[in-house]
């Protein structure tokens, strides 16, 4: 009754807040080479927009890609020297918008928003002058200049496939042995309960390795998504995420009473959060603070960020070390709980 009555309410709340194509509170950086009254006014107008949040003021052009590779910003605004002087005397100037096109939909949306704010600023300073001021906007898309959707699709699919397959399959392993009555036979054998739990995860770890290889091969040779970073690091992170998923599946299996219950918990508790709160389908920045906080406990969020950073942006471990430690901590936590739960239930 709780699931039947409560789940629709939870779904309505999550879908209502998360299902939106609007981008809000996107973090941006500004390189102001002019630092005059006009440039400061433009920056202030952009920062006042609900679509953007000024994350950092840059001091050189080389800092821009560094911030993008670290995943700190979604958009960068470059204002040239003599910005106010060009407006006053030449009645024309130019600014540059640089977007992270690893997610082409977000990049397009943000550049359109920024161009609209710049146009409003241009209209405000023009007023009724006979010689209107013109601010040209130059666009540059990093990492995905052709704006291919596969660059965003592949990391999300990797997270979904590995999490759902590994978790759902391992979720029914231990409970299946209970239902068939073969668990007692294994418990009276010399094998320790911990070894039984770990042994149940081994076949699915091998299966996941095959899935990782097939997804990467299809991504590179069929979808033409390059692996710009270290292949070894990408495989290592994928195996780590697989271990997190297997540990979570074992935890569900240790506590479930039947295979149907285990499958149901896996689907409801993992499928929706993976879709809604991983950042794959909808930007997390758009969501209210409570949902942004909840998203931090979704393993797929951290793995999705890792794959985009390594595969698309070509970054190394020095950028994704935090996400890696979080996944490692989740693996230890879920696996420890699964073993303890297993021992308590079968004592």
Protein backbone atom coordinates (compact mmCIF):
# COMPACT_ATOMS: atom_id res chain seq x y z
CA UNK A 1 0.00 0.00 0.00
CA UNK A 2 2.87 2.36 0.75
CA UNK A 3 4.39 1.73 -2.68
CA UNK A 4 1.06 1.91 -4.50
CA UNK A 5 0.01 5.15 -2.82
CA UNK A 6 3.35 6.79 -2.13
CA UNK A 7 5.29 6.08 -5.32
CA UNK A 8 3.00 8.14 -7.61
CA UNK A 9 3.43 11.12 -5.28
CA UNK A 10 7.22 10.76 -5.32
CA UNK A 11 7.25 10.40 -9.11
CA UNK A 12 5.06 13.46 -9.62
CA UNK A 13 7.36 15.55 -7.41
CA UNK A 14 10.54 14.33 -9.10
CA UNK A 15 9.20 14.62 -12.63
CA UNK A 16 7.59 17.97 -11.93
CA UNK A 17 10.83 19.55 -10.77
CA UNK A 18 13.39 17.68 -12.88
CA UNK A 19 11.62 17.33 -16.24
CA UNK A 20 12.48 20.65 -17.81
CA UNK A 21 14.58 21.70 -20.78
CA UNK A 22 15.24 25.09 -19.21
CA UNK A 23 18.74 25.70 -17.91
CA UNK A 24 19.13 27.77 -14.77
CA UNK A 25 21.97 28.71 -12.43
CA UNK A 26 24.63 27.62 -14.93
CA UNK A 27 28.11 28.47 -13.68
CA UNK A 28 30.06 30.76 -15.99
CA UNK A 29 33.48 32.41 -16.04
CA UNK A 30 34.36 35.85 -17.39
CA UNK A 31 37.60 37.06 -18.93
CA UNK A 32 37.30 40.84 -18.88
CA UNK A 33 40.22 42.32 -20.80
CA UNK A 34 38.71 45.80 -20.70
CA UNK A 35 37.62 46.31 -17.09
CA UNK A 36 35.80 49.53 -17.87
CA UNK A 37 32.34 50.76 -16.95
CA UNK A 38 30.67 49.21 -20.00
CA UNK A 39 32.18 45.74 -19.51
CA UNK A 40 31.35 45.73 -15.80
CA UNK A 41 27.78 46.72 -16.64
CA UNK A 42 27.46 43.84 -19.13
CA UNK A 43 28.87 41.34 -16.64
CA UNK A 44 26.50 42.62 -13.97
CA UNK A 45 23.51 42.19 -16.28
CA UNK A 46 24.51 38.62 -17.15
CA UNK A 47 25.13 37.74 -13.50
CA UNK A 48 21.73 39.19 -12.56
CA UNK A 49 20.02 36.78 -14.94
CA UNK A 50 18.50 33.72 -13.31
CA UNK A 51 20.09 31.59 -16.00
CA UNK A 52 23.69 32.28 -14.97
CA UNK A 53 25.82 32.29 -11.85
CA UNK A 54 29.23 33.94 -12.04
CA UNK A 55 31.70 31.33 -10.82
CA UNK A 56 35.06 32.97 -11.51
CA UNK A 57 36.77 36.01 -12.98
CA UNK A 58 39.64 34.86 -15.18
CA UNK A 59 42.92 36.66 -15.79
CA UNK A 60 44.18 34.98 -18.98
CA UNK A 61 42.82 33.12 -21.99
CA UNK A 62 44.71 29.95 -21.04
CA UNK A 63 42.63 29.61 -17.86
CA UNK A 64 39.43 29.06 -19.84
CA UNK A 65 40.05 25.49 -20.98
CA UNK A 66 41.48 24.60 -17.57
CA UNK A 67 38.17 25.55 -15.94
CA UNK A 68 36.21 23.62 -18.56
CA UNK A 69 38.35 20.50 -18.10
CA UNK A 70 37.77 20.65 -14.36
CA UNK A 71 34.04 20.80 -14.95
CA UNK A 72 33.72 24.03 -12.99
CA UNK A 73 31.89 26.05 -15.65
CA UNK A 74 29.46 25.58 -18.52
CA UNK A 75 30.14 28.84 -20.38
CA UNK A 76 32.88 31.46 -20.66
CA UNK A 77 32.47 35.09 -21.73
CA UNK A 78 35.48 36.89 -23.22
CA UNK A 79 35.33 40.70 -23.40
CA UNK A 80 38.02 42.36 -25.56
CA UNK A 81 40.19 45.31 -24.65
CA UNK A 82 38.83 48.84 -25.17
CA UNK A 83 35.26 47.54 -24.96
CA UNK A 84 33.70 50.86 -23.90
CA UNK A 85 35.95 52.87 -26.21
CA UNK A 86 34.95 50.80 -29.25
CA UNK A 87 31.27 51.25 -28.40
CA UNK A 88 31.60 55.00 -27.99
CA UNK A 89 33.79 55.78 -31.00
CA UNK A 90 33.31 52.91 -33.46
CA UNK A 91 29.74 52.09 -32.42
CA UNK A 92 30.71 48.44 -32.75
CA UNK A 93 32.52 45.79 -30.71
CA UNK A 94 32.64 42.03 -30.28
CA UNK A 95 32.46 39.55 -27.42
CA UNK A 96 33.16 35.81 -27.47
CA UNK A 97 31.07 33.04 -25.92
CA UNK A 98 32.81 29.71 -25.33
CA UNK A 99 30.60 26.77 -24.35
CA UNK A 100 31.20 23.20 -23.21
CA UNK A 101 29.62 21.30 -26.10
CA UNK A 102 30.09 17.84 -24.59
CA UNK A 103 26.39 18.33 -23.84
CA UNK A 104 25.22 20.01 -27.07
CA UNK A 105 21.70 20.77 -25.89
CA UNK A 106 22.90 22.64 -22.82
CA UNK A 107 25.60 24.42 -24.86
CA UNK A 108 23.06 25.62 -27.41
CA UNK A 109 20.64 26.73 -24.72
CA UNK A 110 23.26 28.65 -22.74
CA UNK A 111 24.71 30.44 -25.75
CA UNK A 112 21.20 31.46 -26.82
CA UNK A 113 20.47 32.76 -23.31
CA UNK A 114 23.74 34.69 -23.19
CA UNK A 115 23.25 36.13 -26.67
CA UNK A 116 19.77 37.25 -25.63
CA UNK A 117 21.12 39.00 -22.51
CA UNK A 118 23.81 40.71 -24.61
CA UNK A 119 21.15 41.83 -27.08
CA UNK A 120 19.08 43.30 -24.24
CA UNK A 121 22.17 45.14 -23.01
CA UNK A 122 22.78 46.47 -26.51
CA UNK A 123 19.20 47.77 -26.75
CA UNK A 124 19.50 49.40 -23.33
CA UNK A 125 22.63 51.38 -24.18
CA UNK A 126 21.37 52.26 -27.68
CA UNK A 127 18.10 53.89 -26.61
CA UNK A 128 16.96 56.12 -29.49
CA UNK A 129 20.34 57.00 -30.97
CA UNK A 130 20.51 57.38 -34.74
CA UNK A 131 23.75 55.40 -34.86
CA UNK A 132 22.94 52.30 -32.82
CA UNK A 133 25.69 50.39 -31.09
CA UNK A 134 26.39 46.86 -32.29
CA UNK A 135 27.87 44.08 -30.20
CA UNK A 136 28.72 41.04 -32.32
CA UNK A 137 28.80 37.68 -30.54
CA UNK A 138 31.32 35.06 -31.61
CA UNK A 139 30.51 31.48 -30.58
CA UNK A 140 32.99 28.68 -29.93
CA UNK A 141 32.03 25.13 -28.95
CA UNK A 142 34.65 23.14 -27.07
CA UNK A 143 35.04 19.32 -27.20
CA UNK A 144 32.09 18.84 -29.58
CA UNK A 145 32.11 21.53 -32.30
CA UNK A 146 29.65 19.58 -34.46
CA UNK A 147 27.19 19.36 -31.53
CA UNK A 148 26.68 15.61 -31.89
CA UNK A 149 24.18 14.20 -29.42
CA UNK A 150 26.21 11.00 -29.08
CA UNK A 151 28.82 12.87 -27.04
CA UNK A 152 26.23 13.24 -24.28
CA UNK A 153 24.35 10.03 -25.02
CA UNK A 154 27.24 7.56 -24.70
CA UNK A 155 28.37 8.45 -21.11
CA UNK A 156 24.74 8.35 -19.94
CA UNK A 157 24.08 4.98 -21.55
CA UNK A 158 27.23 3.54 -20.01
CA UNK A 159 26.07 4.62 -16.56
CA UNK A 160 22.55 3.25 -17.08
CA UNK A 161 23.58 -0.09 -18.56
CA UNK A 162 26.25 -0.89 -15.99
CA UNK A 163 24.16 0.18 -12.99
CA UNK A 164 20.90 -1.49 -13.99
CA UNK A 165 22.32 -4.71 -15.40
CA UNK A 166 24.78 -5.29 -12.57
CA UNK A 167 22.41 -4.31 -9.80
CA UNK A 168 19.31 -6.12 -11.05
CA UNK A 169 21.15 -9.33 -11.85
CA UNK A 170 23.01 -9.53 -8.55
CA UNK A 171 19.88 -8.48 -6.65
CA UNK A 172 18.25 -11.83 -7.40
CA UNK A 173 21.24 -14.11 -6.86
CA UNK A 174 21.21 -14.62 -3.08
CA UNK A 175 17.45 -14.45 -2.70
CA UNK A 176 17.11 -17.06 -5.48
CA UNK A 177 19.25 -19.46 -3.47
CA UNK A 178 17.01 -18.85 -0.45
CA UNK A 179 13.84 -19.58 -2.41
CA UNK A 180 15.29 -22.75 -3.95
CA UNK A 181 16.51 -24.01 -0.56
CA UNK A 182 20.11 -24.36 -1.69
CA UNK A 183 21.49 -21.61 0.54
CA UNK A 184 21.54 -23.96 3.56
CA UNK A 185 23.66 -26.42 1.59
CA UNK A 186 26.24 -23.73 0.84
CA UNK A 187 26.25 -22.51 4.44
CA UNK A 188 27.18 -25.93 5.82
CA UNK A 189 30.08 -26.09 3.37
CA UNK A 190 33.60 -24.91 4.40
CA UNK A 191 33.01 -21.64 2.55
CA UNK A 192 32.50 -18.57 4.70
CA UNK A 193 29.37 -16.43 4.13
CA UNK A 194 31.54 -13.53 3.01
CA UNK A 195 33.05 -15.68 0.26
CA UNK A 196 29.58 -16.76 -0.89
CA UNK A 197 28.50 -13.13 -1.23
CA UNK A 198 31.64 -12.16 -3.14
CA UNK A 199 31.48 -15.24 -5.38
CA UNK A 200 27.97 -14.27 -6.47
CA UNK A 201 29.34 -11.03 -7.91
CA UNK A 202 32.15 -12.55 -10.00
CA UNK A 203 30.08 -13.72 -13.03
CA UNK A 204 28.41 -10.34 -13.35
CA UNK A 205 31.75 -8.57 -13.07
CA UNK A 206 32.92 -10.57 -16.10
CA UNK A 207 29.64 -9.80 -17.92
CA UNK A 208 30.06 -6.11 -17.15
CA UNK A 209 33.59 -6.14 -18.54
CA UNK A 210 32.15 -7.46 -21.81
CA UNK A 211 29.50 -4.71 -21.72
CA UNK A 212 32.16 -2.04 -21.16
CA UNK A 213 34.22 -3.30 -24.10
CA UNK A 214 31.21 -3.50 -26.44
CA UNK A 215 29.95 -0.03 -25.51
CA UNK A 216 33.36 1.56 -26.03
CA UNK A 217 33.86 -0.21 -29.38
CA UNK A 218 30.44 0.86 -30.62
CA UNK A 219 31.01 4.40 -29.37
CA UNK A 220 34.31 4.81 -31.20
CA UNK A 221 33.66 2.93 -34.43
CA UNK A 222 29.90 3.35 -34.93
CA UNK A 223 28.95 6.58 -33.15
CA UNK A 224 32.35 8.19 -33.82
CA UNK A 225 32.78 9.41 -30.26
CA UNK A 226 36.52 9.60 -29.57
CA UNK A 227 38.26 8.58 -26.36
CA UNK A 228 40.31 11.71 -25.80
CA UNK A 229 41.66 10.66 -22.43
CA UNK A 230 43.39 7.56 -21.09
CA UNK A 231 41.70 4.29 -22.09
CA UNK A 232 43.24 2.55 -19.09
CA UNK A 233 41.80 5.17 -16.72
CA UNK A 234 38.38 4.95 -18.38
CA UNK A 235 38.31 1.15 -18.04
CA UNK A 236 39.49 1.38 -14.42
CA UNK A 237 36.73 3.85 -13.54
CA UNK A 238 34.15 1.68 -15.33
CA UNK A 239 35.21 -1.38 -13.34
CA UNK A 240 35.05 0.65 -10.12
CA UNK A 241 31.51 1.76 -10.97
CA UNK A 242 30.65 -1.85 -11.80
CA UNK A 243 31.84 -2.92 -8.36
CA UNK A 244 29.66 -0.21 -6.79
CA UNK A 245 26.65 -1.51 -8.73
CA UNK A 246 27.39 -5.14 -7.81
CA UNK A 247 27.74 -4.21 -4.12
CA UNK A 248 24.41 -2.39 -4.23
CA UNK A 249 22.77 -5.39 -5.89
CA UNK A 250 24.16 -7.74 -3.24
CA UNK A 251 22.82 -5.45 -0.51
CA UNK A 252 19.34 -5.55 -2.05
CA UNK A 253 19.56 -9.33 -2.48
CA UNK A 254 20.60 -9.86 1.14
CA UNK A 255 17.60 -7.97 2.45
CA UNK A 256 14.88 -8.99 -0.01
CA UNK A 257 12.44 -11.82 0.70
CA UNK A 258 11.75 -12.83 -2.90
CA UNK A 259 13.11 -12.41 -6.42
CA UNK A 260 10.12 -10.27 -7.37
CA UNK A 261 10.78 -7.93 -4.46
CA UNK A 262 14.46 -7.68 -5.33
CA UNK A 263 13.71 -6.88 -8.98
CA UNK A 264 11.04 -4.36 -8.02
CA UNK A 265 13.34 -2.55 -5.61
CA UNK A 266 16.10 -2.48 -8.21
CA UNK A 267 13.86 -1.01 -10.89
CA UNK A 268 12.03 1.54 -8.76
CA UNK A 269 14.90 2.56 -6.49
CA UNK A 270 17.55 2.77 -9.22
CA UNK A 271 16.01 3.29 -12.64
CA UNK A 272 14.20 6.56 -11.91
CA UNK A 273 17.02 8.18 -9.89
CA UNK A 274 19.52 7.17 -12.58
CA UNK A 275 17.41 8.77 -15.29
CA UNK A 276 16.35 11.84 -13.36
CA UNK A 277 19.17 12.67 -10.96
CA UNK A 278 22.38 11.64 -12.71
CA UNK A 279 22.56 14.70 -14.98
CA UNK A 280 22.21 12.50 -18.06
CA UNK A 281 18.75 13.60 -19.16
CA UNK A 282 18.29 16.85 -17.26
CA UNK A 283 20.83 19.30 -15.80
CA UNK A 284 21.07 18.97 -12.03
CA UNK A 285 21.60 22.74 -11.74
CA UNK A 286 17.96 23.24 -12.73
CA UNK A 287 16.59 21.30 -9.79
CA UNK A 288 15.64 22.60 -6.33
CA UNK A 289 18.24 22.33 -3.58
CA UNK A 290 16.72 19.18 -1.94
CA UNK A 291 16.91 17.25 -5.22
CA UNK A 292 20.46 18.50 -5.87
CA UNK A 293 21.44 17.17 -2.44
CA UNK A 294 19.72 13.81 -3.04
CA UNK A 295 21.50 13.46 -6.39
CA UNK A 296 24.81 13.15 -4.53
CA UNK A 297 23.86 9.65 -3.33
CA UNK A 298 23.16 8.43 -6.88
CA UNK A 299 26.29 6.55 -8.04
CA UNK A 300 25.48 7.17 -11.72
CA UNK A 301 25.90 10.94 -11.22
CA UNK A 302 29.57 10.58 -10.31
CA UNK A 303 30.32 7.98 -12.99
CA UNK A 304 28.59 10.05 -15.67
CA UNK A 305 30.77 13.02 -14.71
CA UNK A 306 33.89 10.83 -14.82
CA UNK A 307 33.15 9.41 -18.29
CA UNK A 308 32.46 12.87 -19.73
CA UNK A 309 35.68 14.22 -18.24
CA UNK A 310 37.93 11.36 -19.37
CA UNK A 311 36.31 10.31 -22.63
CA UNK A 312 35.12 13.65 -24.02
CA UNK A 313 37.36 16.26 -22.39
CA UNK A 314 40.51 14.15 -22.15
CA UNK A 315 41.22 14.91 -18.49
CA UNK A 316 43.20 12.75 -16.09
CA UNK A 317 42.89 11.47 -12.56
CA UNK A 318 43.97 14.85 -11.16
CA UNK A 319 40.56 16.22 -12.20
CA UNK A 320 38.30 13.28 -11.25
CA UNK A 321 39.98 12.17 -8.03
CA UNK A 322 37.07 13.37 -5.89
CA UNK A 323 34.48 11.45 -7.92
CA UNK A 324 36.73 8.38 -7.83
CA UNK A 325 37.04 8.50 -4.04
CA UNK A 326 33.26 8.89 -3.69
CA UNK A 327 32.63 5.79 -5.83
CA UNK A 328 35.25 3.85 -3.90
CA UNK A 329 33.62 4.87 -0.61
CA UNK A 330 30.19 3.82 -1.92
CA UNK A 331 31.57 0.41 -2.92
CA UNK A 332 33.05 -0.22 0.54
CA UNK A 333 29.86 0.99 2.24
CA UNK A 334 27.44 -1.10 0.17
CA UNK A 335 29.62 -4.22 0.26
CA UNK A 336 30.10 -4.02 4.03
CA UNK A 337 26.37 -3.63 4.59
CA UNK A 338 25.62 -6.53 2.23
CA UNK A 339 27.97 -8.88 4.09
CA UNK A 340 26.67 -7.84 7.51
CA UNK A 341 23.07 -8.16 6.37
CA UNK A 342 23.75 -11.57 4.93
CA UNK A 343 25.37 -12.85 8.12
CA UNK A 344 22.56 -11.56 10.36
CA UNK A 345 19.78 -13.06 8.26
CA UNK A 346 21.42 -16.49 7.92
CA UNK A 347 22.77 -16.88 11.46
